[in-house]
Amino acid sequence: SKPAAPTFNAQARASVASSIASQAQRCADRQRYLGDGAEQVSMQVKLSFARSGRLSRPPIITSMAGPSEYREKYGELLEDQVRRIFADCAPFQLPADLYDTDSGGWKETTLRYRVRK
């Protein structure tokens, strides 16, 4: 019998998103802290990957959440910083068998990201 094909289920999706965020943290730690309240803003980031773990196009910020005063104050700066974080940290080390499966994969990944102090 043939082995079961890998599936990109909710658990795999969460695991990949967590792995991407933790790998990106080493680059985020090198970024300048923007100021009090910046860490309260989170962004939904769409990432497109090549099989190598490199980005196949620049990250896209699809939405931003958090207190409006901080979104207004830091929004553009955070968007630029988050794009730089993900671009600088590539290539990401992710499970090759989950790159592109019948049930999805990390080839196109959207995750929620927040900078830390």
PDB file of N, CA and C in Angstrom:
ATOM      1  N   SER A   1       0.834  -1.186   0.000  1.00  0.00           N
ATOM      2  CA  SER A   1       0.000   0.000   0.000  1.00  0.00           C
ATOM      3  C   SER A   1       0.880   1.251   0.000  1.00  0.00           C
ATOM      4  N   LYS A   2       0.330   2.296  -0.534  1.00  0.00           N
ATOM      5  CA  LYS A   2       1.034   3.567  -0.666  1.00  0.00           C
ATOM      6  C   LYS A   2       0.911   4.363   0.637  1.00  0.00           C
ATOM      7  N   PRO A   3       2.013   5.011   1.102  1.00  0.00           N
ATOM      8  CA  PRO A   3       1.902   5.820   2.321  1.00  0.00           C
ATOM      9  C   PRO A   3       0.943   6.988   2.103  1.00  0.00           C
ATOM     10  N   ALA A   4       0.286   7.389   3.168  1.00  0.00           N
ATOM     11  CA  ALA A   4      -0.660   8.502   3.089  1.00  0.00           C
ATOM     12  C   ALA A   4       0.081   9.789   2.744  1.00  0.00           C
ATOM     13  N   ALA A   5      -0.511  10.573   1.870  1.00  0.00           N
ATOM     14  CA  ALA A   5       0.077  11.857   1.501  1.00  0.00           C
ATOM     15  C   ALA A   5      -0.030  12.808   2.700  1.00  0.00           C
ATOM     16  N   PRO A   6       0.976  13.663   2.880  1.00  0.00           N
ATOM     17  CA  PRO A   6       0.903  14.606   3.994  1.00  0.00           C
ATOM     18  C   PRO A   6      -0.291  15.558   3.821  1.00  0.00           C
ATOM     19  N   THR A   7      -0.878  15.934   4.926  1.00  0.00           N
ATOM     20  CA  THR A   7      -1.988  16.886   4.885  1.00  0.00           C
ATOM     21  C   THR A   7      -1.624  18.124   5.682  1.00  0.00           C
ATOM     22  N   PHE A   8      -2.045  19.243   5.169  1.00  0.00           N
ATOM     23  CA  PHE A   8      -1.787  20.521   5.820  1.00  0.00           C
ATOM     24  C   PHE A   8      -3.037  20.882   6.620  1.00  0.00           C
ATOM     25  N   ASN A   9      -3.217  20.172   7.739  1.00  0.00           N
ATOM     26  CA  ASN A   9      -4.395  20.380   8.577  1.00  0.00           C
ATOM     27  C   ASN A   9      -4.157  21.564   9.529  1.00  0.00           C
ATOM     28  N   ALA A  10      -5.123  21.821  10.391  1.00  0.00           N
ATOM     29  CA  ALA A  10      -5.033  22.972  11.306  1.00  0.00           C
ATOM     30  C   ALA A  10      -3.807  22.880  12.208  1.00  0.00           C
ATOM     31  N   GLN A  11      -3.489  21.690  12.663  1.00  0.00           N
ATOM     32  CA  GLN A  11      -2.322  21.509  13.534  1.00  0.00           C
ATOM     33  C   GLN A  11      -1.026  21.810  12.778  1.00  0.00           C
ATOM     34  N   ALA A  12      -0.911  21.320  11.554  1.00  0.00           N
ATOM     35  CA  ALA A  12       0.278  21.578  10.732  1.00  0.00           C
ATOM     36  C   ALA A  12       0.386  23.068  10.416  1.00  0.00           C
ATOM     37  N   ARG A  13      -0.735  23.691  10.110  1.00  0.00           N
ATOM     38  CA  ARG A  13      -0.762  25.126   9.796  1.00  0.00           C
ATOM     39  C   ARG A  13      -0.278  25.935  10.999  1.00  0.00           C
ATOM     40  N   ALA A  14      -0.769  25.602  12.183  1.00  0.00           N
ATOM     41  CA  ALA A  14      -0.367  26.311  13.406  1.00  0.00           C
ATOM     42  C   ALA A  14       1.115  26.086  13.704  1.00  0.00           C
ATOM     43  N   SER A  15       1.580  24.875  13.488  1.00  0.00           N
ATOM     44  CA  SER A  15       2.974  24.545  13.731  1.00  0.00           C
ATOM     45  C   SER A  15       3.900  25.312  12.784  1.00  0.00           C
ATOM     46  N   VAL A  16       3.530  25.379  11.509  1.00  0.00           N
ATOM     47  CA  VAL A  16       4.334  26.117  10.533  1.00  0.00           C
ATOM     48  C   VAL A  16       4.336  27.609  10.862  1.00  0.00           C
ATOM     49  N   ALA A  17       3.171  28.169  11.191  1.00  0.00           N
ATOM     50  CA  ALA A  17       3.095  29.597  11.536  1.00  0.00           C
ATOM     51  C   ALA A  17       3.960  29.900  12.754  1.00  0.00           C
ATOM     52  N   SER A  18       3.924  29.025  13.743  1.00  0.00           N
ATOM     53  CA  SER A  18       4.738  29.196  14.947  1.00  0.00           C
ATOM     54  C   SER A  18       6.226  29.124  14.606  1.00  0.00           C
ATOM     55  N   SER A  19       6.596  28.199  13.744  1.00  0.00           N
ATOM     56  CA  SER A  19       7.988  28.049  13.339  1.00  0.00           C
ATOM     57  C   SER A  19       8.467  29.289  12.582  1.00  0.00           C
ATOM     58  N   ILE A  20       7.647  29.812  11.692  1.00  0.00           N
ATOM     59  CA  ILE A  20       8.008  31.020  10.944  1.00  0.00           C
ATOM     60  C   ILE A  20       8.205  32.186  11.905  1.00  0.00           C
ATOM     61  N   ALA A  21       7.256  32.366  12.834  1.00  0.00           N
ATOM     62  CA  ALA A  21       7.346  33.478  13.784  1.00  0.00           C
ATOM     63  C   ALA A  21       8.583  33.359  14.674  1.00  0.00           C
ATOM     64  N   SER A  22       8.893  32.148  15.133  1.00  0.00           N
ATOM     65  CA  SER A  22      10.059  31.998  16.003  1.00  0.00           C
ATOM     66  C   SER A  22      11.359  32.203  15.225  1.00  0.00           C
ATOM     67  N   GLN A  23      11.420  31.766  13.971  1.00  0.00           N
ATOM     68  CA  GLN A  23      12.609  32.010  13.164  1.00  0.00           C
ATOM     69  C   GLN A  23      12.749  33.498  12.833  1.00  0.00           C
ATOM     70  N   ALA A  24      11.629  34.185  12.631  1.00  0.00           N
ATOM     71  CA  ALA A  24      11.663  35.623  12.333  1.00  0.00           C
ATOM     72  C   ALA A  24      12.102  36.433  13.551  1.00  0.00           C
ATOM     73  N   GLN A  25      11.919  35.889  14.742  1.00  0.00           N
ATOM     74  CA  GLN A  25      12.236  36.641  15.954  1.00  0.00           C
ATOM     75  C   GLN A  25      13.717  37.029  16.025  1.00  0.00           C
ATOM     76  N   ARG A  26      14.609  36.170  15.509  1.00  0.00           N
ATOM     77  CA  ARG A  26      16.033  36.511  15.561  1.00  0.00           C
ATOM     78  C   ARG A  26      16.319  37.771  14.750  1.00  0.00           C
ATOM     79  N   CYS A  27      15.579  37.985  13.676  1.00  0.00           N
ATOM     80  CA  CYS A  27      15.736  39.210  12.882  1.00  0.00           C
ATOM     81  C   CYS A  27      14.995  40.375  13.536  1.00  0.00           C
ATOM     82  N   ALA A  28      13.863  40.087  14.144  1.00  0.00           N
ATOM     83  CA  ALA A  28      13.107  41.131  14.833  1.00  0.00           C
ATOM     84  C   ALA A  28      13.914  41.695  16.000  1.00  0.00           C
ATOM     85  N   ASP A  29      14.674  40.837  16.658  1.00  0.00           N
ATOM     86  CA  ASP A  29      15.481  41.293  17.800  1.00  0.00           C
ATOM     87  C   ASP A  29      16.543  42.305  17.388  1.00  0.00           C
ATOM     88  N   ARG A  30      16.909  42.325  16.114  1.00  0.00           N
ATOM     89  CA  ARG A  30      17.912  43.285  15.629  1.00  0.00           C
ATOM     90  C   ARG A  30      17.300  44.623  15.216  1.00  0.00           C
ATOM     91  N   GLN A  31      15.969  44.697  15.201  1.00  0.00           N
ATOM     92  CA  GLN A  31      15.286  45.924  14.781  1.00  0.00           C
ATOM     93  C   GLN A  31      15.179  46.914  15.934  1.00  0.00           C
ATOM     94  N   ARG A  32      15.123  48.155  15.584  1.00  0.00           N
ATOM     95  CA  ARG A  32      14.951  49.230  16.569  1.00  0.00           C
ATOM     96  C   ARG A  32      13.531  49.151  17.150  1.00  0.00           C
ATOM     97  N   TYR A  33      13.441  49.292  18.481  1.00  0.00           N
ATOM     98  CA  TYR A  33      12.125  49.325  19.120  1.00  0.00           C
ATOM     99  C   TYR A  33      11.486  50.669  18.801  1.00  0.00           C
ATOM    100  N   LEU A  34      10.272  50.667  18.293  1.00  0.00           N
ATOM    101  CA  LEU A  34       9.642  51.889  17.811  1.00  0.00           C
ATOM    102  C   LEU A  34       9.068  52.761  18.916  1.00  0.00           C
ATOM    103  N   GLY A  35       8.695  52.169  20.045  1.00  0.00           N
ATOM    104  CA  GLY A  35       8.167  52.964  21.144  1.00  0.00           C
ATOM    105  C   GLY A  35       7.030  52.270  21.863  1.00  0.00           C
ATOM    106  N   ASP A  36       6.673  52.837  23.024  1.00  0.00           N
ATOM    107  CA  ASP A  36       5.603  52.261  23.842  1.00  0.00           C
ATOM    108  C   ASP A  36       4.301  52.175  23.058  1.00  0.00           C
ATOM    109  N   GLY A  37       3.717  51.005  23.065  1.00  0.00           N
ATOM    110  CA  GLY A  37       2.457  50.758  22.386  1.00  0.00           C
ATOM    111  C   GLY A  37       2.615  50.040  21.051  1.00  0.00           C
ATOM    112  N   ALA A  38       3.808  50.086  20.475  1.00  0.00           N
ATOM    113  CA  ALA A  38       4.013  49.432  19.169  1.00  0.00           C
ATOM    114  C   ALA A  38       3.731  47.934  19.262  1.00  0.00           C
ATOM    115  N   GLU A  39       4.072  47.329  20.414  1.00  0.00           N
ATOM    116  CA  GLU A  39       3.860  45.885  20.585  1.00  0.00           C
ATOM    117  C   GLU A  39       2.385  45.519  20.741  1.00  0.00           C
ATOM    118  N   GLN A  40       1.507  46.524  20.855  1.00  0.00           N
ATOM    119  CA  GLN A  40       0.075  46.247  20.970  1.00  0.00           C
ATOM    120  C   GLN A  40      -0.610  46.147  19.606  1.00  0.00           C
ATOM    121  N   VAL A  41       0.148  46.436  18.563  1.00  0.00           N
ATOM    122  CA  VAL A  41      -0.397  46.366  17.203  1.00  0.00           C
ATOM    123  C   VAL A  41       0.013  45.035  16.582  1.00  0.00           C
ATOM    124  N   SER A  42      -0.953  44.313  16.047  1.00  0.00           N
ATOM    125  CA  SER A  42      -0.634  43.069  15.346  1.00  0.00           C
ATOM    126  C   SER A  42      -1.032  43.223  13.885  1.00  0.00           C
ATOM    127  N   MET A  43      -0.338  42.479  13.048  1.00  0.00           N
ATOM    128  CA  MET A  43      -0.594  42.547  11.616  1.00  0.00           C
ATOM    129  C   MET A  43      -0.812  41.163  11.054  1.00  0.00           C
ATOM    130  N   GLN A  44      -1.687  41.078  10.098  1.00  0.00           N
ATOM    131  CA  GLN A  44      -1.845  39.849   9.339  1.00  0.00           C
ATOM    132  C   GLN A  44      -0.892  39.986   8.151  1.00  0.00           C
ATOM    133  N   VAL A  45       0.013  39.014   8.016  1.00  0.00           N
ATOM    134  CA  VAL A  45       1.059  39.073   6.999  1.00  0.00           C
ATOM    135  C   VAL A  45       0.904  37.883   6.052  1.00  0.00           C
ATOM    136  N   LYS A  46       0.862  38.185   4.757  1.00  0.00           N
ATOM    137  CA  LYS A  46       0.797  37.122   3.748  1.00  0.00           C
ATOM    138  C   LYS A  46       2.200  36.923   3.198  1.00  0.00           C
ATOM    139  N   LEU A  47       2.669  35.675   3.277  1.00  0.00           N
ATOM    140  CA  LEU A  47       4.006  35.322   2.822  1.00  0.00           C
ATOM    141  C   LEU A  47       3.902  34.309   1.697  1.00  0.00           C
ATOM    142  N   SER A  48       4.679  34.524   0.656  1.00  0.00           N
ATOM    143  CA  SER A  48       4.749  33.580  -0.470  1.00  0.00           C
ATOM    144  C   SER A  48       6.166  33.047  -0.520  1.00  0.00           C
ATOM    145  N   PHE A  49       6.282  31.729  -0.446  1.00  0.00           N
ATOM    146  CA  PHE A  49       7.590  31.092  -0.363  1.00  0.00           C
ATOM    147  C   PHE A  49       7.929  30.279  -1.605  1.00  0.00           C
ATOM    148  N   ALA A  50       9.220  30.245  -1.911  1.00  0.00           N
ATOM    149  CA  ALA A  50       9.758  29.266  -2.855  1.00  0.00           C
ATOM    150  C   ALA A  50      10.039  28.004  -2.039  1.00  0.00           C
ATOM    151  N   ARG A  51      10.197  26.907  -2.698  1.00  0.00           N
ATOM    152  CA  ARG A  51      10.462  25.634  -2.011  1.00  0.00           C
ATOM    153  C   ARG A  51      11.700  25.714  -1.113  1.00  0.00           C
ATOM    154  N   SER A  52      12.652  26.588  -1.450  1.00  0.00           N
ATOM    155  CA  SER A  52      13.896  26.752  -0.688  1.00  0.00           C
ATOM    156  C   SER A  52      13.691  27.419   0.670  1.00  0.00           C
ATOM    157  N   GLY A  53      12.500  27.973   0.911  1.00  0.00           N
ATOM    158  CA  GLY A  53      12.248  28.710   2.147  1.00  0.00           C
ATOM    159  C   GLY A  53      12.476  30.203   1.985  1.00  0.00           C
ATOM    160  N   ARG A  54      12.937  30.618   0.812  1.00  0.00           N
ATOM    161  CA  ARG A  54      13.093  32.053   0.523  1.00  0.00           C
ATOM    162  C   ARG A  54      11.732  32.615   0.121  1.00  0.00           C
ATOM    163  N   LEU A  55      11.572  33.919   0.285  1.00  0.00           N
ATOM    164  CA  LEU A  55      10.332  34.552  -0.139  1.00  0.00           C
ATOM    165  C   LEU A  55      10.332  34.673  -1.657  1.00  0.00           C
ATOM    166  N   SER A  56       9.216  34.351  -2.278  1.00  0.00           N
ATOM    167  CA  SER A  56       9.117  34.483  -3.727  1.00  0.00           C
ATOM    168  C   SER A  56       8.609  35.869  -4.124  1.00  0.00           C
ATOM    169  N   ARG A  57       8.099  36.619  -3.152  1.00  0.00           N
ATOM    170  CA  ARG A  57       7.731  38.022  -3.363  1.00  0.00           C
ATOM    171  C   ARG A  57       7.713  38.705  -1.995  1.00  0.00           C
ATOM    172  N   PRO A  58       7.737  40.027  -1.967  1.00  0.00           N
ATOM    173  CA  PRO A  58       7.766  40.722  -0.675  1.00  0.00           C
ATOM    174  C   PRO A  58       6.520  40.415   0.169  1.00  0.00           C
ATOM    175  N   PRO A  59       6.676  40.401   1.498  1.00  0.00           N
ATOM    176  CA  PRO A  59       5.525  40.175   2.381  1.00  0.00           C
ATOM    177  C   PRO A  59       4.449  41.242   2.162  1.00  0.00           C
ATOM    178  N   ILE A  60       3.206  40.846   2.307  1.00  0.00           N
ATOM    179  CA  ILE A  60       2.077  41.766   2.154  1.00  0.00           C
ATOM    180  C   ILE A  60       1.353  41.851   3.492  1.00  0.00           C
ATOM    181  N   ILE A  61       1.166  43.066   3.992  1.00  0.00           N
ATOM    182  CA  ILE A  61       0.390  43.280   5.223  1.00  0.00           C
ATOM    183  C   ILE A  61      -1.067  43.408   4.779  1.00  0.00           C
ATOM    184  N   THR A  62      -1.908  42.455   5.197  1.00  0.00           N
ATOM    185  CA  THR A  62      -3.301  42.467   4.741  1.00  0.00           C
ATOM    186  C   THR A  62      -4.243  43.149   5.723  1.00  0.00           C
ATOM    187  N   SER A  63      -3.853  43.221   7.001  1.00  0.00           N
ATOM    188  CA  SER A  63      -4.677  43.927   7.976  1.00  0.00           C
ATOM    189  C   SER A  63      -3.839  44.237   9.204  1.00  0.00           C
ATOM    190  N   MET A  64      -4.356  45.166   9.991  1.00  0.00           N
ATOM    191  CA  MET A  64      -3.675  45.584  11.219  1.00  0.00           C
ATOM    192  C   MET A  64      -4.731  45.696  12.316  1.00  0.00           C
ATOM    193  N   ALA A  65      -4.395  45.249  13.518  1.00  0.00           N
ATOM    194  CA  ALA A  65      -5.327  45.310  14.641  1.00  0.00           C
ATOM    195  C   ALA A  65      -4.603  45.872  15.859  1.00  0.00           C
ATOM    196  N   GLY A  66      -5.379  46.448  16.755  1.00  0.00           N
ATOM    197  CA  GLY A  66      -4.827  47.021  17.967  1.00  0.00           C
ATOM    198  C   GLY A  66      -5.446  48.387  18.200  1.00  0.00           C
ATOM    199  N   PRO A  67      -5.100  49.032  19.303  1.00  0.00           N
ATOM    200  CA  PRO A  67      -5.657  50.352  19.599  1.00  0.00           C
ATOM    201  C   PRO A  67      -5.386  51.345  18.460  1.00  0.00           C
ATOM    202  N   SER A  68      -6.411  52.080  18.077  1.00  0.00           N
ATOM    203  CA  SER A  68      -6.282  52.986  16.927  1.00  0.00           C
ATOM    204  C   SER A  68      -5.172  54.011  17.117  1.00  0.00           C
ATOM    205  N   GLU A  69      -4.955  54.494  18.340  1.00  0.00           N
ATOM    206  CA  GLU A  69      -3.893  55.495  18.558  1.00  0.00           C
ATOM    207  C   GLU A  69      -2.521  54.932  18.202  1.00  0.00           C
ATOM    208  N   TYR A  70      -2.295  53.650  18.493  1.00  0.00           N
ATOM    209  CA  TYR A  70      -1.006  53.029  18.182  1.00  0.00           C
ATOM    210  C   TYR A  70      -0.915  52.633  16.713  1.00  0.00           C
ATOM    211  N   ARG A  71      -2.042  52.244  16.126  1.00  0.00           N
ATOM    212  CA  ARG A  71      -2.033  51.947  14.682  1.00  0.00           C
ATOM    213  C   ARG A  71      -1.695  53.210  13.903  1.00  0.00           C
ATOM    214  N   GLU A  72      -2.273  54.341  14.305  1.00  0.00           N
ATOM    215  CA  GLU A  72      -1.998  55.616  13.636  1.00  0.00           C
ATOM    216  C   GLU A  72      -0.556  56.049  13.855  1.00  0.00           C
ATOM    217  N   LYS A  73      -0.062  55.897  15.066  1.00  0.00           N
ATOM    218  CA  LYS A  73       1.284  56.353  15.411  1.00  0.00           C
ATOM    219  C   LYS A  73       2.373  55.498  14.769  1.00  0.00           C
ATOM    220  N   TYR A  74       2.189  54.176  14.766  1.00  0.00           N
ATOM    221  CA  TYR A  74       3.249  53.259  14.342  1.00  0.00           C
ATOM    222  C   TYR A  74       2.954  52.473  13.064  1.00  0.00           C
ATOM    223  N   GLY A  75       1.749  52.588  12.536  1.00  0.00           N
ATOM    224  CA  GLY A  75       1.319  51.724  11.435  1.00  0.00           C
ATOM    225  C   GLY A  75       2.308  51.584  10.292  1.00  0.00           C
ATOM    226  N   GLU A  76       2.673  52.692   9.659  1.00  0.00           N
ATOM    227  CA  GLU A  76       3.587  52.620   8.509  1.00  0.00           C
ATOM    228  C   GLU A  76       4.962  52.102   8.909  1.00  0.00           C
ATOM    229  N   LEU A  77       5.451  52.566  10.048  1.00  0.00           N
ATOM    230  CA  LEU A  77       6.765  52.124  10.518  1.00  0.00           C
ATOM    231  C   LEU A  77       6.764  50.620  10.793  1.00  0.00           C
ATOM    232  N   LEU A  78       5.693  50.136  11.420  1.00  0.00           N
ATOM    233  CA  LEU A  78       5.583  48.699  11.711  1.00  0.00           C
ATOM    234  C   LEU A  78       5.478  47.879  10.431  1.00  0.00           C
ATOM    235  N   GLU A  79       4.702  48.365   9.473  1.00  0.00           N
ATOM    236  CA  GLU A  79       4.592  47.638   8.205  1.00  0.00           C
ATOM    237  C   GLU A  79       5.964  47.487   7.565  1.00  0.00           C
ATOM    238  N   ASP A  80       6.716  48.581   7.501  1.00  0.00           N
ATOM    239  CA  ASP A  80       8.059  48.521   6.918  1.00  0.00           C
ATOM    240  C   ASP A  80       8.955  47.573   7.709  1.00  0.00           C
ATOM    241  N   GLN A  81       8.880  47.679   9.025  1.00  0.00           N
ATOM    242  CA  GLN A  81       9.728  46.843   9.877  1.00  0.00           C
ATOM    243  C   GLN A  81       9.386  45.361   9.708  1.00  0.00           C
ATOM    244  N   VAL A  82       8.122  45.025   9.677  1.00  0.00           N
ATOM    245  CA  VAL A  82       7.707  43.625   9.542  1.00  0.00           C
ATOM    246  C   VAL A  82       8.104  43.072   8.171  1.00  0.00           C
ATOM    247  N   ARG A  83       7.950  43.858   7.129  1.00  0.00           N
ATOM    248  CA  ARG A  83       8.399  43.402   5.803  1.00  0.00           C
ATOM    249  C   ARG A  83       9.902  43.104   5.826  1.00  0.00           C
ATOM    250  N   ARG A  84      10.659  44.000   6.456  1.00  0.00           N
ATOM    251  CA  ARG A  84      12.113  43.836   6.541  1.00  0.00           C
ATOM    252  C   ARG A  84      12.482  42.600   7.362  1.00  0.00           C
ATOM    253  N   ILE A  85      11.787  42.391   8.468  1.00  0.00           N
ATOM    254  CA  ILE A  85      12.052  41.228   9.336  1.00  0.00           C
ATOM    255  C   ILE A  85      11.939  39.936   8.534  1.00  0.00           C
ATOM    256  N   PHE A  86      10.825  39.760   7.826  1.00  0.00           N
ATOM    257  CA  PHE A  86      10.611  38.506   7.096  1.00  0.00           C
ATOM    258  C   PHE A  86      11.558  38.379   5.911  1.00  0.00           C
ATOM    259  N   ALA A  87      11.826  39.470   5.227  1.00  0.00           N
ATOM    260  CA  ALA A  87      12.755  39.416   4.090  1.00  0.00           C
ATOM    261  C   ALA A  87      14.171  39.084   4.558  1.00  0.00           C
ATOM    262  N   ASP A  88      14.606  39.705   5.657  1.00  0.00           N
ATOM    263  CA  ASP A  88      15.967  39.488   6.153  1.00  0.00           C
ATOM    264  C   ASP A  88      16.179  38.094   6.732  1.00  0.00           C
ATOM    265  N   CYS A  89      15.138  37.463   7.201  1.00  0.00           N
ATOM    266  CA  CYS A  89      15.284  36.164   7.862  1.00  0.00           C
ATOM    267  C   CYS A  89      15.214  34.976   6.911  1.00  0.00           C
ATOM    268  N   ALA A  90      14.841  35.208   5.701  1.00  0.00           N
ATOM    269  CA  ALA A  90      14.780  34.104   4.739  1.00  0.00           C
ATOM    270  C   ALA A  90      16.193  33.628   4.420  1.00  0.00           C
ATOM    271  N   PRO A  91      16.408  32.354   4.179  1.00  0.00           N
ATOM    272  CA  PRO A  91      15.386  31.317   4.017  1.00  0.00           C
ATOM    273  C   PRO A  91      14.931  30.739   5.357  1.00  0.00           C
ATOM    274  N   PHE A  92      13.662  30.396   5.409  1.00  0.00           N
ATOM    275  CA  PHE A  92      13.081  29.757   6.576  1.00  0.00           C
ATOM    276  C   PHE A  92      13.224  28.246   6.431  1.00  0.00           C
ATOM    277  N   GLN A  93      13.450  27.577   7.544  1.00  0.00           N
ATOM    278  CA  GLN A  93      13.579  26.114   7.562  1.00  0.00           C
ATOM    279  C   GLN A  93      12.208  25.540   7.914  1.00  0.00           C
ATOM    280  N   LEU A  94      11.533  24.982   6.928  1.00  0.00           N
ATOM    281  CA  LEU A  94      10.178  24.464   7.115  1.00  0.00           C
ATOM    282  C   LEU A  94      10.085  23.064   6.510  1.00  0.00           C
ATOM    283  N   PRO A  95       9.106  22.268   6.964  1.00  0.00           N
ATOM    284  CA  PRO A  95       9.008  20.877   6.503  1.00  0.00           C
ATOM    285  C   PRO A  95       8.724  20.775   4.999  1.00  0.00           C
ATOM    286  N   ALA A  96       9.666  20.203   4.268  1.00  0.00           N
ATOM    287  CA  ALA A  96       9.575  20.107   2.801  1.00  0.00           C
ATOM    288  C   ALA A  96       8.306  19.394   2.346  1.00  0.00           C
ATOM    289  N   ASP A  97       7.884  18.368   3.088  1.00  0.00           N
ATOM    290  CA  ASP A  97       6.712  17.598   2.659  1.00  0.00           C
ATOM    291  C   ASP A  97       5.405  18.377   2.788  1.00  0.00           C
ATOM    292  N   LEU A  98       5.429  19.509   3.493  1.00  0.00           N
ATOM    293  CA  LEU A  98       4.211  20.308   3.657  1.00  0.00           C
ATOM    294  C   LEU A  98       4.234  21.588   2.819  1.00  0.00           C
ATOM    295  N   TYR A  99       5.193  21.688   1.907  1.00  0.00           N
ATOM    296  CA  TYR A  99       5.297  22.899   1.077  1.00  0.00           C
ATOM    297  C   TYR A  99       4.034  23.117   0.247  1.00  0.00           C
ATOM    298  N   ASP A 100       3.585  22.079  -0.433  1.00  0.00           N
ATOM    299  CA  ASP A 100       2.423  22.198  -1.315  1.00  0.00           C
ATOM    300  C   ASP A 100       1.728  20.842  -1.360  1.00  0.00           C
ATOM    301  N   THR A 101       0.664  20.692  -0.589  1.00  0.00           N
ATOM    302  CA  THR A 101      -0.056  19.422  -0.531  1.00  0.00           C
ATOM    303  C   THR A 101      -1.453  19.605  -1.127  1.00  0.00           C
ATOM    304  N   ASP A 102      -2.185  18.516  -1.254  1.00  0.00           N
ATOM    305  CA  ASP A 102      -3.565  18.597  -1.751  1.00  0.00           C
ATOM    306  C   ASP A 102      -4.447  19.439  -0.833  1.00  0.00           C
ATOM    307  N   SER A 103      -4.046  19.547   0.440  1.00  0.00           N
ATOM    308  CA  SER A 103      -4.850  20.293   1.414  1.00  0.00           C
ATOM    309  C   SER A 103      -4.232  21.660   1.748  1.00  0.00           C
ATOM    310  N   GLY A 104      -3.341  22.130   0.921  1.00  0.00           N
ATOM    311  CA  GLY A 104      -2.697  23.430   1.154  1.00  0.00           C
ATOM    312  C   GLY A 104      -1.229  23.226   1.467  1.00  0.00           C
ATOM    313  N   GLY A 105      -0.614  24.213   2.036  1.00  0.00           N
ATOM    314  CA  GLY A 105       0.796  24.120   2.377  1.00  0.00           C
ATOM    315  C   GLY A 105       1.357  25.477   2.729  1.00  0.00           C
ATOM    316  N   TRP A 106       2.639  25.480   3.080  1.00  0.00           N
ATOM    317  CA  TRP A 106       3.232  26.758   3.489  1.00  0.00           C
ATOM    318  C   TRP A 106       3.735  27.583   2.314  1.00  0.00           C
ATOM    319  N   LYS A 107       3.505  27.122   1.095  1.00  0.00           N
ATOM    320  CA  LYS A 107       3.866  27.886  -0.103  1.00  0.00           C
ATOM    321  C   LYS A 107       3.255  29.290  -0.029  1.00  0.00           C
ATOM    322  N   GLU A 108       2.012  29.358   0.378  1.00  0.00           N
ATOM    323  CA  GLU A 108       1.302  30.619   0.624  1.00  0.00           C
ATOM    324  C   GLU A 108       0.824  30.559   2.070  1.00  0.00           C
ATOM    325  N   THR A 109       1.375  31.422   2.903  1.00  0.00           N
ATOM    326  CA  THR A 109       1.058  31.382   4.327  1.00  0.00           C
ATOM    327  C   THR A 109       0.625  32.764   4.801  1.00  0.00           C
ATOM    328  N   THR A 110      -0.445  32.807   5.560  1.00  0.00           N
ATOM    329  CA  THR A 110      -0.876  34.048   6.190  1.00  0.00           C
ATOM    330  C   THR A 110      -0.857  33.815   7.686  1.00  0.00           C
ATOM    331  N   LEU A 111      -0.210  34.740   8.394  1.00  0.00           N
ATOM    332  CA  LEU A 111      -0.147  34.595   9.845  1.00  0.00           C
ATOM    333  C   LEU A 111      -0.283  35.942  10.524  1.00  0.00           C
ATOM    334  N   ARG A 112      -0.638  35.897  11.788  1.00  0.00           N
ATOM    335  CA  ARG A 112      -0.764  37.105  12.606  1.00  0.00           C
ATOM    336  C   ARG A 112       0.584  37.309  13.280  1.00  0.00           C
ATOM    337  N   TYR A 113       1.120  38.536  13.196  1.00  0.00           N
ATOM    338  CA  TYR A 113       2.443  38.817  13.750  1.00  0.00           C
ATOM    339  C   TYR A 113       2.420  40.110  14.553  1.00  0.00           C
ATOM    340  N   ARG A 114       3.159  40.101  15.643  1.00  0.00           N
ATOM    341  CA  ARG A 114       3.258  41.277  16.523  1.00  0.00           C
ATOM    342  C   ARG A 114       4.718  41.417  16.939  1.00  0.00           C
ATOM    343  N   VAL A 115       5.257  42.634  16.847  1.00  0.00           N
ATOM    344  CA  VAL A 115       6.626  42.856  17.314  1.00  0.00           C
ATOM    345  C   VAL A 115       6.633  42.839  18.834  1.00  0.00           C
ATOM    346  N   ARG A 116       7.761  42.479  19.404  1.00  0.00           N
ATOM    347  CA  ARG A 116       7.907  42.447  20.869  1.00  0.00           C
ATOM    348  C   ARG A 116       8.835  43.586  21.291  1.00  0.00           C
ATOM    349  N   LYS A 117       8.773  43.907  22.578  1.00  0.00           N
ATOM    350  CA  LYS A 117       9.689  44.920  23.126  1.00  0.00           C
ATOM    351  C   LYS A 117      11.090  44.412  23.102  1.00  0.00           C
TER     352      LYS A 117
END
